[in-house]
Full PDB file with SEQRES, HELIX, SHEET, SSBOND, CRYST1, ORIGX, SCALE, CONECT and MASTER records, all heavy atoms in Angstrom:
SEQRES   1 A   43  HIS ASP ALA GLN PHE MET VAL ILE ALA ARG ARG ASP ASP          
SEQRES   2 A   43  GLN ASP ASP VAL LEU LEU GLU LEU ALA ASP GLY ARG LEU          
SEQRES   3 A   43  ALA GLU LEU HIS MET THR TRP ALA ALA SER ASN ASP PRO          
SEQRES   4 A   43  LYS LEU PRO GLY                                              
SHEET    1 AA1 3 PHE A   5  ARG A  11  0                                        
SHEET    2 AA1 3 ASP A  16  LEU A  21 -1                                        
SHEET    3 AA1 3 LEU A  26  HIS A  30 -1                                        
CRYST1    1.000    1.000    1.000  90.00  90.00  90.00 P 1           1          
ORIGX1      1.000000  0.000000  0.000000        0.00000                         
ORIGX2      0.000000  1.000000  0.000000        0.00000                         
ORIGX3      0.000000  0.000000  1.000000        0.00000                         
SCALE1      1.000000  0.000000  0.000000        0.00000                         
SCALE2      0.000000  1.000000  0.000000        0.00000                         
SCALE3      0.000000  0.000000  1.000000        0.00000                         
ATOM      1  N   HIS A   1     -43.034 -21.166  41.806  1.00  0.00           N  
ATOM      2  CA  HIS A   1     -41.708 -21.788  41.948  1.00  0.00           C  
ATOM      3  C   HIS A   1     -41.081 -21.761  40.628  1.00  0.00           C  
ATOM      4  O   HIS A   1     -39.848 -21.628  40.579  1.00  0.00           O  
ATOM      5  CB  HIS A   1     -41.872 -23.089  42.616  1.00  0.00           C  
ATOM      6  CG  HIS A   1     -40.660 -23.899  42.725  1.00  0.00           C  
ATOM      7  ND1 HIS A   1     -40.037 -24.644  41.712  1.00  0.00           N  
ATOM      8  CD2 HIS A   1     -39.537 -23.830  43.652  1.00  0.00           C  
ATOM      9  CE1 HIS A   1     -38.928 -25.167  42.083  1.00  0.00           C  
ATOM     10  NE2 HIS A   1     -38.589 -24.559  43.221  1.00  0.00           N  
ATOM     11  N   ASP A   2     -41.708 -22.252  39.615  1.00  0.00           N  
ATOM     12  CA  ASP A   2     -41.047 -22.433  38.310  1.00  0.00           C  
ATOM     13  C   ASP A   2     -41.199 -21.233  37.377  1.00  0.00           C  
ATOM     14  O   ASP A   2     -40.793 -21.297  36.339  1.00  0.00           O  
ATOM     15  CB  ASP A   2     -41.607 -23.681  37.568  1.00  0.00           C  
ATOM     16  CG  ASP A   2     -41.112 -24.848  38.357  1.00  0.00           C  
ATOM     17  OD1 ASP A   2     -40.000 -24.911  38.823  1.00  0.00           O  
ATOM     18  OD2 ASP A   2     -41.985 -25.868  38.363  1.00  0.00           O  
ATOM     19  N   ALA A   3     -41.878 -20.197  37.892  1.00  0.00           N  
ATOM     20  CA  ALA A   3     -42.131 -18.958  37.003  1.00  0.00           C  
ATOM     21  C   ALA A   3     -40.896 -18.133  36.727  1.00  0.00           C  
ATOM     22  O   ALA A   3     -39.988 -18.114  37.687  1.00  0.00           O  
ATOM     23  CB  ALA A   3     -43.175 -18.146  37.695  1.00  0.00           C  
ATOM     24  N   GLN A   4     -40.782 -17.615  35.607  1.00  0.00           N  
ATOM     25  CA  GLN A   4     -39.805 -16.545  35.413  1.00  0.00           C  
ATOM     26  C   GLN A   4     -40.350 -15.235  35.750  1.00  0.00           C  
ATOM     27  O   GLN A   4     -41.502 -14.984  35.407  1.00  0.00           O  
ATOM     28  CB  GLN A   4     -39.391 -16.551  33.940  1.00  0.00           C  
ATOM     29  CG  GLN A   4     -38.692 -17.812  33.487  1.00  0.00           C  
ATOM     30  CD  GLN A   4     -38.291 -17.695  31.998  1.00  0.00           C  
ATOM     31  OE1 GLN A   4     -38.878 -16.910  31.269  1.00  0.00           O  
ATOM     32  NE2 GLN A   4     -37.477 -18.596  31.586  1.00  0.00           N  
ATOM     33  N   PHE A   5     -39.547 -14.466  36.648  1.00  0.00           N  
ATOM     34  CA  PHE A   5     -40.099 -13.226  37.010  1.00  0.00           C  
ATOM     35  C   PHE A   5     -38.996 -12.259  37.329  1.00  0.00           C  
ATOM     36  O   PHE A   5     -37.788 -12.661  37.477  1.00  0.00           O  
ATOM     37  CB  PHE A   5     -40.936 -13.391  38.212  1.00  0.00           C  
ATOM     38  CG  PHE A   5     -40.134 -13.886  39.382  1.00  0.00           C  
ATOM     39  CD1 PHE A   5     -39.476 -13.137  40.335  1.00  0.00           C  
ATOM     40  CD2 PHE A   5     -40.376 -15.191  39.847  1.00  0.00           C  
ATOM     41  CE1 PHE A   5     -38.717 -13.550  41.470  1.00  0.00           C  
ATOM     42  CE2 PHE A   5     -39.750 -15.741  40.963  1.00  0.00           C  
ATOM     43  CZ  PHE A   5     -38.912 -14.882  41.720  1.00  0.00           C  
ATOM     44  N   MET A   6     -39.293 -10.864  37.412  1.00  0.00           N  
ATOM     45  CA  MET A   6     -38.408  -9.994  37.694  1.00  0.00           C  
ATOM     46  C   MET A   6     -39.091  -9.043  38.838  1.00  0.00           C  
ATOM     47  O   MET A   6     -40.257  -8.718  38.735  1.00  0.00           O  
ATOM     48  CB  MET A   6     -38.155  -9.018  36.497  1.00  0.00           C  
ATOM     49  CG  MET A   6     -37.191  -7.880  36.850  1.00  0.00           C  
ATOM     50  SD  MET A   6     -36.599  -7.059  35.320  1.00  0.00           S  
ATOM     51  CE  MET A   6     -38.149  -6.677  34.551  1.00  0.00           C  
ATOM     52  N   VAL A   7     -38.305  -8.738  39.854  1.00  0.00           N  
ATOM     53  CA  VAL A   7     -38.916  -7.884  40.985  1.00  0.00           C  
ATOM     54  C   VAL A   7     -38.818  -6.528  40.424  1.00  0.00           C  
ATOM     55  O   VAL A   7     -37.785  -5.979  39.981  1.00  0.00           O  
ATOM     56  CB  VAL A   7     -38.093  -7.972  42.296  1.00  0.00           C  
ATOM     57  CG1 VAL A   7     -38.570  -7.057  43.382  1.00  0.00           C  
ATOM     58  CG2 VAL A   7     -38.206  -9.404  42.756  1.00  0.00           C  
ATOM     59  N   ILE A   8     -39.985  -5.770  40.392  1.00  0.00           N  
ATOM     60  CA  ILE A   8     -39.954  -4.396  39.814  1.00  0.00           C  
ATOM     61  C   ILE A   8     -40.349  -3.237  40.850  1.00  0.00           C  
ATOM     62  O   ILE A   8     -39.989  -2.066  40.602  1.00  0.00           O  
ATOM     63  CB  ILE A   8     -41.031  -4.188  38.594  1.00  0.00           C  
ATOM     64  CG1 ILE A   8     -42.463  -4.646  39.096  1.00  0.00           C  
ATOM     65  CG2 ILE A   8     -40.516  -5.173  37.605  1.00  0.00           C  
ATOM     66  CD1 ILE A   8     -43.495  -4.252  38.131  1.00  0.00           C  
ATOM     67  N   ALA A   9     -40.919  -3.669  42.112  1.00  0.00           N  
ATOM     68  CA  ALA A   9     -41.233  -2.597  43.024  1.00  0.00           C  
ATOM     69  C   ALA A   9     -41.071  -3.313  44.475  1.00  0.00           C  
ATOM     70  O   ALA A   9     -41.260  -4.535  44.588  1.00  0.00           O  
ATOM     71  CB  ALA A   9     -42.605  -2.075  42.736  1.00  0.00           C  
ATOM     72  N   ARG A  10     -41.139  -2.443  45.344  1.00  0.00           N  
ATOM     73  CA  ARG A  10     -40.964  -2.890  46.791  1.00  0.00           C  
ATOM     74  C   ARG A  10     -41.674  -2.001  47.705  1.00  0.00           C  
ATOM     75  O   ARG A  10     -41.634  -0.785  47.475  1.00  0.00           O  
ATOM     76  CB  ARG A  10     -39.570  -3.094  47.221  1.00  0.00           C  
ATOM     77  CG  ARG A  10     -39.332  -3.656  48.594  1.00  0.00           C  
ATOM     78  CD  ARG A  10     -37.807  -3.671  48.939  1.00  0.00           C  
ATOM     79  NE  ARG A  10     -37.726  -4.357  50.315  1.00  0.00           N  
ATOM     80  CZ  ARG A  10     -36.507  -4.746  50.698  1.00  0.00           C  
ATOM     81  NH1 ARG A  10     -35.581  -4.451  50.167  1.00  0.00           N  
ATOM     82  NH2 ARG A  10     -36.545  -5.393  51.889  1.00  0.00           N  
ATOM     83  N   ARG A  11     -42.343  -2.555  48.728  1.00  0.00           N  
ATOM     84  CA  ARG A  11     -42.927  -1.787  49.906  1.00  0.00           C  
ATOM     85  C   ARG A  11     -42.150  -2.051  51.078  1.00  0.00           C  
ATOM     86  O   ARG A  11     -42.465  -3.256  51.644  1.00  0.00           O  
ATOM     87  CB  ARG A  11     -44.366  -2.033  49.956  1.00  0.00           C  
ATOM     88  CG  ARG A  11     -45.002  -1.147  50.965  1.00  0.00           C  
ATOM     89  CD  ARG A  11     -46.454  -1.138  50.994  1.00  0.00           C  
ATOM     90  NE  ARG A  11     -46.919  -0.205  52.025  1.00  0.00           N  
ATOM     91  CZ  ARG A  11     -48.110   0.333  52.038  1.00  0.00           C  
ATOM     92  NH1 ARG A  11     -49.057   0.033  51.067  1.00  0.00           N  
ATOM     93  NH2 ARG A  11     -48.489   1.086  52.968  1.00  0.00           N  
ATOM     94  N   ASP A  12     -41.271  -1.268  51.575  1.00  0.00           N  
ATOM     95  CA  ASP A  12     -40.348  -1.745  52.640  1.00  0.00           C  
ATOM     96  C   ASP A  12     -41.076  -1.733  53.891  1.00  0.00           C  
ATOM     97  O   ASP A  12     -40.660  -2.655  54.821  1.00  0.00           O  
ATOM     98  CB  ASP A  12     -39.151  -0.520  52.720  1.00  0.00           C  
ATOM     99  CG  ASP A  12     -38.340  -0.534  51.495  1.00  0.00           C  
ATOM    100  OD1 ASP A  12     -37.896  -1.651  51.226  1.00  0.00           O  
ATOM    101  OD2 ASP A  12     -38.105   0.558  51.016  1.00  0.00           O  
ATOM    102  N   ASP A  13     -42.110  -1.061  54.151  1.00  0.00           N  
ATOM    103  CA  ASP A  13     -42.703  -0.990  55.462  1.00  0.00           C  
ATOM    104  C   ASP A  13     -43.614  -2.196  55.675  1.00  0.00           C  
ATOM    105  O   ASP A  13     -43.931  -2.513  56.814  1.00  0.00           O  
ATOM    106  CB  ASP A  13     -43.619   0.248  55.663  1.00  0.00           C  
ATOM    107  CG  ASP A  13     -44.779   0.332  54.718  1.00  0.00           C  
ATOM    108  OD1 ASP A  13     -44.690  -0.364  53.606  1.00  0.00           O  
ATOM    109  OD2 ASP A  13     -45.760   1.049  55.017  1.00  0.00           O  
ATOM    110  N   GLN A  14     -43.761  -3.133  54.645  1.00  0.00           N  
ATOM    111  CA  GLN A  14     -44.601  -4.345  54.750  1.00  0.00           C  
ATOM    112  C   GLN A  14     -43.920  -5.556  54.185  1.00  0.00           C  
ATOM    113  O   GLN A  14     -44.546  -6.554  54.063  1.00  0.00           O  
ATOM    114  CB  GLN A  14     -45.941  -4.197  54.217  1.00  0.00           C  
ATOM    115  CG  GLN A  14     -46.780  -3.058  54.912  1.00  0.00           C  
ATOM    116  CD  GLN A  14     -48.281  -2.952  54.261  1.00  0.00           C  
ATOM    117  OE1 GLN A  14     -48.661  -3.746  53.400  1.00  0.00           O  
ATOM    118  NE2 GLN A  14     -48.908  -1.975  54.612  1.00  0.00           N  
ATOM    119  N   ASP A  15     -42.668  -5.386  53.797  1.00  0.00           N  
ATOM    120  CA  ASP A  15     -41.908  -6.500  53.254  1.00  0.00           C  
ATOM    121  C   ASP A  15     -42.655  -7.101  52.000  1.00  0.00           C  
ATOM    122  O   ASP A  15     -42.582  -8.284  51.714  1.00  0.00           O  
ATOM    123  CB  ASP A  15     -41.567  -7.598  54.166  1.00  0.00           C  
ATOM    124  CG  ASP A  15     -40.462  -7.210  55.117  1.00  0.00           C  
ATOM    125  OD1 ASP A  15     -39.533  -6.330  54.756  1.00  0.00           O  
ATOM    126  OD2 ASP A  15     -40.404  -7.701  56.240  1.00  0.00           O  
ATOM    127  N   ASP A  16     -43.385  -6.256  51.195  1.00  0.00           N  
ATOM    128  CA  ASP A  16     -44.094  -6.711  49.952  1.00  0.00           C  
ATOM    129  C   ASP A  16     -43.237  -6.344  48.830  1.00  0.00           C  
ATOM    130  O   ASP A  16     -42.548  -5.327  48.743  1.00  0.00           O  
ATOM    131  CB  ASP A  16     -45.488  -6.051  49.896  1.00  0.00           C  
ATOM    132  CG  ASP A  16     -46.503  -6.516  51.004  1.00  0.00           C  
ATOM    133  OD1 ASP A  16     -46.141  -7.532  51.617  1.00  0.00           O  
ATOM    134  OD2 ASP A  16     -47.517  -5.872  51.252  1.00  0.00           O  
ATOM    135  N   VAL A  17     -43.386  -7.253  47.789  1.00  0.00           N  
ATOM    136  CA  VAL A  17     -42.617  -6.949  46.587  1.00  0.00           C  
ATOM    137  C   VAL A  17     -43.668  -7.160  45.397  1.00  0.00           C  
ATOM    138  O   VAL A  17     -44.622  -7.917  45.536  1.00  0.00           O  
ATOM    139  CB  VAL A  17     -41.320  -7.820  46.350  1.00  0.00           C  
ATOM    140  CG1 VAL A  17     -40.294  -7.455  47.263  1.00  0.00           C  
ATOM    141  CG2 VAL A  17     -41.744  -9.355  46.357  1.00  0.00           C  
ATOM    142  N   LEU A  18     -43.383  -6.492  44.223  1.00  0.00           N  
ATOM    143  CA  LEU A  18     -44.210  -6.661  43.049  1.00  0.00           C  
ATOM    144  C   LEU A  18     -43.345  -7.352  42.007  1.00  0.00           C  
ATOM    145  O   LEU A  18     -42.206  -6.805  41.718  1.00  0.00           O  
ATOM    146  CB  LEU A  18     -44.828  -5.340  42.583  1.00  0.00           C  
ATOM    147  CG  LEU A  18     -45.699  -5.411  41.411  1.00  0.00           C  
ATOM    148  CD1 LEU A  18     -47.151  -6.145  41.902  1.00  0.00           C  
ATOM    149  CD2 LEU A  18     -46.080  -4.016  40.975  1.00  0.00           C  
ATOM    150  N   LEU A  19     -43.817  -8.420  41.505  1.00  0.00           N  
ATOM    151  CA  LEU A  19     -43.067  -9.049  40.457  1.00  0.00           C  
ATOM    152  C   LEU A  19     -43.755  -8.927  39.118  1.00  0.00           C  
ATOM    153  O   LEU A  19     -45.052  -8.860  39.054  1.00  0.00           O  
ATOM    154  CB  LEU A  19     -43.112 -10.616  40.697  1.00  0.00           C  
ATOM    155  CG  LEU A  19     -42.806 -11.096  42.033  1.00  0.00           C  
ATOM    156  CD1 LEU A  19     -42.837 -12.667  42.175  1.00  0.00           C  
ATOM    157  CD2 LEU A  19     -41.464 -10.656  42.540  1.00  0.00           C  
ATOM    158  N   GLU A  20     -42.949  -8.886  37.976  1.00  0.00           N  
ATOM    159  CA  GLU A  20     -43.552  -8.892  36.659  1.00  0.00           C  
ATOM    160  C   GLU A  20     -43.199 -10.358  36.231  1.00  0.00           C  
ATOM    161  O   GLU A  20     -41.982 -10.695  36.146  1.00  0.00           O  
ATOM    162  CB  GLU A  20     -42.939  -7.812  35.758  1.00  0.00           C  
ATOM    163  CG  GLU A  20     -43.445  -7.891  34.356  1.00  0.00           C  
ATOM    164  CD  GLU A  20     -42.972  -6.775  33.417  1.00  0.00           C  
ATOM    165  OE1 GLU A  20     -42.056  -6.034  33.845  1.00  0.00           O  
ATOM    166  OE2 GLU A  20     -43.585  -6.644  32.393  1.00  0.00           O  
ATOM    167  N   LEU A  21     -44.238 -11.073  35.834  1.00  0.00           N  
ATOM    168  CA  LEU A  21     -43.972 -12.483  35.275  1.00  0.00           C  
ATOM    169  C   LEU A  21     -43.732 -12.515  33.820  1.00  0.00           C  
ATOM    170  O   LEU A  21     -44.144 -11.443  33.204  1.00  0.00           O  
ATOM    171  CB  LEU A  21     -45.190 -13.365  35.550  1.00  0.00           C  
ATOM    172  CG  LEU A  21     -45.716 -13.348  37.063  1.00  0.00           C  
ATOM    173  CD1 LEU A  21     -47.048 -14.116  37.280  1.00  0.00           C  
ATOM    174  CD2 LEU A  21     -44.627 -13.970  38.086  1.00  0.00           C  
ATOM    175  N   ALA A  22     -43.103 -13.515  33.290  1.00  0.00           N  
ATOM    176  CA  ALA A  22     -42.688 -13.535  31.928  1.00  0.00           C  
ATOM    177  C   ALA A  22     -44.025 -13.352  30.927  1.00  0.00           C  
ATOM    178  O   ALA A  22     -43.836 -12.903  29.798  1.00  0.00           O  
ATOM    179  CB  ALA A  22     -41.961 -14.902  31.622  1.00  0.00           C  
ATOM    180  N   ASP A  23     -45.188 -13.783  31.475  1.00  0.00           N  
ATOM    181  CA  ASP A  23     -46.243 -13.699  30.616  1.00  0.00           C  
ATOM    182  C   ASP A  23     -47.097 -12.237  30.688  1.00  0.00           C  
ATOM    183  O   ASP A  23     -48.146 -12.216  30.157  1.00  0.00           O  
ATOM    184  CB  ASP A  23     -47.309 -14.805  30.973  1.00  0.00           C  
ATOM    185  CG  ASP A  23     -47.927 -14.768  32.437  1.00  0.00           C  
ATOM    186  OD1 ASP A  23     -47.602 -13.740  33.113  1.00  0.00           O  
ATOM    187  OD2 ASP A  23     -48.559 -15.643  32.753  1.00  0.00           O  
ATOM    188  N   GLY A  24     -46.493 -11.405  31.477  1.00  0.00           N  
ATOM    189  CA  GLY A  24     -46.937  -9.988  31.544  1.00  0.00           C  
ATOM    190  C   GLY A  24     -47.825  -9.804  32.739  1.00  0.00           C  
ATOM    191  O   GLY A  24     -48.173  -8.678  33.088  1.00  0.00           O  
ATOM    192  N   ARG A  25     -48.346 -10.866  33.481  1.00  0.00           N  
ATOM    193  CA  ARG A  25     -49.043 -10.679  34.691  1.00  0.00           C  
ATOM    194  C   ARG A  25     -48.159 -10.120  35.749  1.00  0.00           C  
ATOM    195  O   ARG A  25     -46.958 -10.094  35.582  1.00  0.00           O  
ATOM    196  CB  ARG A  25     -49.658 -11.938  35.111  1.00  0.00           C  
ATOM    197  CG  ARG A  25     -50.718 -12.490  34.215  1.00  0.00           C  
ATOM    198  CD  ARG A  25     -51.334 -13.839  34.796  1.00  0.00           C  
ATOM    199  NE  ARG A  25     -50.204 -14.768  34.741  1.00  0.00           N  
ATOM    200  CZ  ARG A  25     -50.297 -15.771  35.658  1.00  0.00           C  
ATOM    201  NH1 ARG A  25     -51.211 -16.162  36.430  1.00  0.00           N  
ATOM    202  NH2 ARG A  25     -49.231 -16.741  35.668  1.00  0.00           N  
ATOM    203  N   LEU A  26     -48.739  -9.621  36.857  1.00  0.00           N  
ATOM    204  CA  LEU A  26     -48.004  -9.259  38.058  1.00  0.00           C  
ATOM    205  C   LEU A  26     -48.452 -10.093  39.187  1.00  0.00           C  
ATOM    206  O   LEU A  26     -49.423 -10.583  39.198  1.00  0.00           O  
ATOM    207  CB  LEU A  26     -48.273  -7.756  38.360  1.00  0.00           C  
ATOM    208  CG  LEU A  26     -48.045  -6.692  37.240  1.00  0.00           C  
ATOM    209  CD1 LEU A  26     -48.371  -5.298  37.802  1.00  0.00           C  
ATOM    210  CD2 LEU A  26     -46.499  -6.700  36.967  1.00  0.00           C  
ATOM    211  N   ALA A  27     -47.434 -10.135  40.113  1.00  0.00           N  
ATOM    212  CA  ALA A  27     -47.686 -10.824  41.411  1.00  0.00           C  
ATOM    213  C   ALA A  27     -47.149  -9.965  42.550  1.00  0.00           C  
ATOM    214  O   ALA A  27     -46.157  -9.471  42.465  1.00  0.00           O  
ATOM    215  CB  ALA A  27     -47.063 -12.208  41.354  1.00  0.00           C  
ATOM    216  N   GLU A  28     -47.946  -9.869  43.501  1.00  0.00           N  
ATOM    217  CA  GLU A  28     -47.618  -9.168  44.757  1.00  0.00           C  
ATOM    218  C   GLU A  28     -47.431 -10.275  45.796  1.00  0.00           C  
ATOM    219  O   GLU A  28     -48.243 -11.093  46.123  1.00  0.00           O  
ATOM    220  CB  GLU A  28     -48.730  -8.175  45.182  1.00  0.00           C  
ATOM    221  CG  GLU A  28     -48.218  -7.433  46.565  1.00  0.00           C  
ATOM    222  CD  GLU A  28     -49.207  -6.438  46.962  1.00  0.00           C  
ATOM    223  OE1 GLU A  28     -50.047  -5.976  46.110  1.00  0.00           O  
ATOM    224  OE2 GLU A  28     -49.331  -6.130  48.177  1.00  0.00           O  
ATOM    225  N   LEU A  29     -46.243 -10.249  46.323  1.00  0.00           N  
ATOM    226  CA  LEU A  29     -45.826 -11.255  47.357  1.00  0.00           C  
ATOM    227  C   LEU A  29     -45.370 -10.528  48.723  1.00  0.00           C  
ATOM    228  O   LEU A  29     -44.751  -9.575  48.650  1.00  0.00           O  
ATOM    229  CB  LEU A  29     -44.618 -12.129  46.933  1.00  0.00           C  
ATOM    230  CG  LEU A  29     -45.046 -13.207  45.975  1.00  0.00           C  
ATOM    231  CD1 LEU A  29     -45.125 -12.733  44.567  1.00  0.00           C  
ATOM    232  CD2 LEU A  29     -44.077 -14.373  46.084  1.00  0.00           C  
ATOM    233  N   HIS A  30     -45.674 -11.254  49.728  1.00  0.00           N  
ATOM    234  CA  HIS A  30     -45.299 -10.782  51.104  1.00  0.00           C  
ATOM    235  C   HIS A  30     -44.088 -11.629  51.528  1.00  0.00           C  
ATOM    236  O   HIS A  30     -44.238 -12.837  51.695  1.00  0.00           O  
ATOM    237  CB  HIS A  30     -46.312 -11.022  52.181  1.00  0.00           C  
ATOM    238  CG  HIS A  30     -45.868 -10.447  53.506  1.00  0.00           C  
ATOM    239  ND1 HIS A  30     -45.670  -9.112  53.776  1.00  0.00           N  
ATOM    240  CD2 HIS A  30     -45.489 -11.120  54.646  1.00  0.00           C  
ATOM    241  CE1 HIS A  30     -45.280  -9.083  55.017  1.00  0.00           C  
ATOM    242  NE2 HIS A  30     -45.094 -10.180  55.588  1.00  0.00           N  
ATOM    243  N   MET A  31     -42.885 -11.164  51.504  1.00  0.00           N  
ATOM    244  CA  MET A  31     -41.723 -11.855  51.854  1.00  0.00           C  
ATOM    245  C   MET A  31     -41.635 -12.337  53.355  1.00  0.00           C  
ATOM    246  O   MET A  31     -42.064 -11.548  54.175  1.00  0.00           O  
ATOM    247  CB  MET A  31     -40.360 -11.042  51.472  1.00  0.00           C  
ATOM    248  CG  MET A  31     -40.220 -10.677  50.176  1.00  0.00           C  
ATOM    249  SD  MET A  31     -38.904  -9.705  49.690  1.00  0.00           S  
ATOM    250  CE  MET A  31     -37.677 -11.014  49.802  1.00  0.00           C  
ATOM    251  N   THR A  32     -41.257 -13.544  53.582  1.00  0.00           N  
ATOM    252  CA  THR A  32     -41.049 -14.022  54.947  1.00  0.00           C  
ATOM    253  C   THR A  32     -39.703 -13.965  55.526  1.00  0.00           C  
ATOM    254  O   THR A  32     -39.499 -14.099  56.661  1.00  0.00           O  
ATOM    255  CB  THR A  32     -41.554 -15.538  54.930  1.00  0.00           C  
ATOM    256  OG1 THR A  32     -40.691 -16.352  54.087  1.00  0.00           O  
ATOM    257  CG2 THR A  32     -42.958 -15.673  54.420  1.00  0.00           C  
ATOM    258  N   TRP A  33     -38.626 -13.893  54.559  1.00  0.00           N  
ATOM    259  CA  TRP A  33     -37.206 -13.976  54.991  1.00  0.00           C  
ATOM    260  C   TRP A  33     -36.915 -15.250  55.604  1.00  0.00           C  
ATOM    261  O   TRP A  33     -35.949 -15.227  56.379  1.00  0.00           O  
ATOM    262  CB  TRP A  33     -36.969 -12.669  55.775  1.00  0.00           C  
ATOM    263  CG  TRP A  33     -37.197 -11.385  55.102  1.00  0.00           C  
ATOM    264  CD1 TRP A  33     -38.330 -10.609  55.320  1.00  0.00           C  
ATOM    265  CD2 TRP A  33     -36.442 -10.825  54.092  1.00  0.00           C  
ATOM    266  NE1 TRP A  33     -38.164  -9.560  54.460  1.00  0.00           N  
ATOM    267  CE2 TRP A  33     -37.067  -9.605  53.708  1.00  0.00           C  
ATOM    268  CE3 TRP A  33     -35.251 -11.169  53.543  1.00  0.00           C  
ATOM    269  CZ2 TRP A  33     -36.609  -8.829  52.717  1.00  0.00           C  
ATOM    270  CZ3 TRP A  33     -34.760 -10.233  52.471  1.00  0.00           C  
ATOM    271  CH2 TRP A  33     -35.438  -9.265  52.048  1.00  0.00           C  
ATOM    272  N   ALA A  34     -37.611 -16.294  55.235  1.00  0.00           N  
ATOM    273  CA  ALA A  34     -37.174 -17.637  55.807  1.00  0.00           C  
ATOM    274  C   ALA A  34     -37.739 -18.705  54.785  1.00  0.00           C  
ATOM    275  O   ALA A  34     -38.813 -18.473  54.081  1.00  0.00           O  
ATOM    276  CB  ALA A  34     -37.788 -18.002  57.169  1.00  0.00           C  
ATOM    277  N   ALA A  35     -37.079 -19.712  54.652  1.00  0.00           N  
ATOM    278  CA  ALA A  35     -37.517 -20.795  53.740  1.00  0.00           C  
ATOM    279  C   ALA A  35     -38.686 -21.487  54.429  1.00  0.00           C  
ATOM    280  O   ALA A  35     -38.790 -21.469  55.608  1.00  0.00           O  
ATOM    281  CB  ALA A  35     -36.386 -21.894  53.594  1.00  0.00           C  
ATOM    282  N   SER A  36     -39.562 -22.119  53.536  1.00  0.00           N  
ATOM    283  CA  SER A  36     -40.736 -22.676  54.062  1.00  0.00           C  
ATOM    284  C   SER A  36     -41.138 -23.869  53.106  1.00  0.00           C  
ATOM    285  O   SER A  36     -40.945 -23.750  52.033  1.00  0.00           O  
ATOM    286  CB  SER A  36     -41.981 -21.675  54.094  1.00  0.00           C  
ATOM    287  OG  SER A  36     -43.063 -22.333  54.496  1.00  0.00           O  
ATOM    288  N   ASN A  37     -41.778 -24.765  53.813  1.00  0.00           N  
ATOM    289  CA  ASN A  37     -42.300 -25.904  53.116  1.00  0.00           C  
ATOM    290  C   ASN A  37     -43.752 -25.770  52.686  1.00  0.00           C  
ATOM    291  O   ASN A  37     -44.408 -26.551  52.055  1.00  0.00           O  
ATOM    292  CB  ASN A  37     -42.115 -27.303  53.747  1.00  0.00           C  
ATOM    293  CG  ASN A  37     -40.659 -27.728  53.877  1.00  0.00           C  
ATOM    294  OD1 ASN A  37     -39.890 -27.486  52.816  1.00  0.00           O  
ATOM    295  ND2 ASN A  37     -40.312 -28.332  54.964  1.00  0.00           N  
ATOM    296  N   ASP A  38     -44.297 -24.675  53.314  1.00  0.00           N  
ATOM    297  CA  ASP A  38     -45.713 -24.335  53.066  1.00  0.00           C  
ATOM    298  C   ASP A  38     -45.865 -23.804  51.657  1.00  0.00           C  
ATOM    299  O   ASP A  38     -45.229 -22.609  51.282  1.00  0.00           O  
ATOM    300  CB  ASP A  38     -46.220 -23.363  54.095  1.00  0.00           C  
ATOM    301  CG  ASP A  38     -47.750 -23.057  53.939  1.00  0.00           C  
ATOM    302  OD1 ASP A  38     -48.310 -23.321  52.914  1.00  0.00           O  
ATOM    303  OD2 ASP A  38     -48.245 -22.598  54.967  1.00  0.00           O  
ATOM    304  N   PRO A  39     -46.699 -24.461  50.753  1.00  0.00           N  
ATOM    305  CA  PRO A  39     -46.894 -23.871  49.467  1.00  0.00           C  
ATOM    306  C   PRO A  39     -47.585 -22.551  49.338  1.00  0.00           C  
ATOM    307  O   PRO A  39     -47.544 -22.000  48.253  1.00  0.00           O  
ATOM    308  CB  PRO A  39     -47.610 -24.945  48.636  1.00  0.00           C  
ATOM    309  CG  PRO A  39     -48.362 -25.746  49.770  1.00  0.00           C  
ATOM    310  CD  PRO A  39     -47.399 -25.622  50.914  1.00  0.00           C  
ATOM    311  N   LYS A  40     -48.190 -22.023  50.334  1.00  0.00           N  
ATOM    312  CA  LYS A  40     -48.829 -20.800  50.397  1.00  0.00           C  
ATOM    313  C   LYS A  40     -47.878 -19.651  50.796  1.00  0.00           C  
ATOM    314  O   LYS A  40     -48.270 -18.485  50.770  1.00  0.00           O  
ATOM    315  CB  LYS A  40     -50.184 -20.834  51.363  1.00  0.00           C  
ATOM    316  CG  LYS A  40     -51.073 -21.795  50.924  1.00  0.00           C  
ATOM    317  CD  LYS A  40     -52.224 -21.913  51.978  1.00  0.00           C  
ATOM    318  CE  LYS A  40     -53.143 -23.013  51.413  1.00  0.00           C  
ATOM    319  NZ  LYS A  40     -54.355 -23.144  52.397  1.00  0.00           N  
ATOM    320  N   LEU A  41     -46.715 -19.893  51.152  1.00  0.00           N  
ATOM    321  CA  LEU A  41     -45.669 -18.947  51.539  1.00  0.00           C  
ATOM    322  C   LEU A  41     -44.604 -18.868  50.608  1.00  0.00           C  
ATOM    323  O   LEU A  41     -44.028 -19.954  50.144  1.00  0.00           O  
ATOM    324  CB  LEU A  41     -45.126 -19.136  52.913  1.00  0.00           C  
ATOM    325  CG  LEU A  41     -46.231 -19.162  54.103  1.00  0.00           C  
ATOM    326  CD1 LEU A  41     -45.583 -19.591  55.418  1.00  0.00           C  
ATOM    327  CD2 LEU A  41     -46.875 -17.768  54.168  1.00  0.00           C  
ATOM    328  N   PRO A  42     -44.104 -17.770  50.172  1.00  0.00           N  
ATOM    329  CA  PRO A  42     -44.728 -16.467  50.572  1.00  0.00           C  
ATOM    330  C   PRO A  42     -45.983 -16.225  49.924  1.00  0.00           C  
ATOM    331  O   PRO A  42     -46.195 -16.638  48.677  1.00  0.00           O  
ATOM    332  CB  PRO A  42     -43.637 -15.377  50.129  1.00  0.00           C  
ATOM    333  CG  PRO A  42     -42.846 -16.054  49.095  1.00  0.00           C  
ATOM    334  CD  PRO A  42     -42.893 -17.470  49.363  1.00  0.00           C  
ATOM    335  N   GLY A  43     -46.994 -15.529  50.604  1.00  0.00           N  
ATOM    336  CA  GLY A  43     -48.268 -15.250  50.125  1.00  0.00           C  
ATOM    337  C   GLY A  43     -48.191 -14.479  48.760  1.00  0.00           C  
ATOM    338  O   GLY A  43     -47.429 -13.610  48.656  1.00  0.00           O  
TER     339      GLY A  43                                                      
MASTER        0    0    0    0    3    0    0    6  338    1    0    4          
END                                                                             
């Protein structure tokens, strides 16, 4: 939630995106296209 990131890649067939975090790590997320109160979403 509070991380600084940039989206660098996308997989259209699965709604997945790859983020580059400010600290150099990467995060792969599965977009839900909806707001959620679940802290595990988007995965």
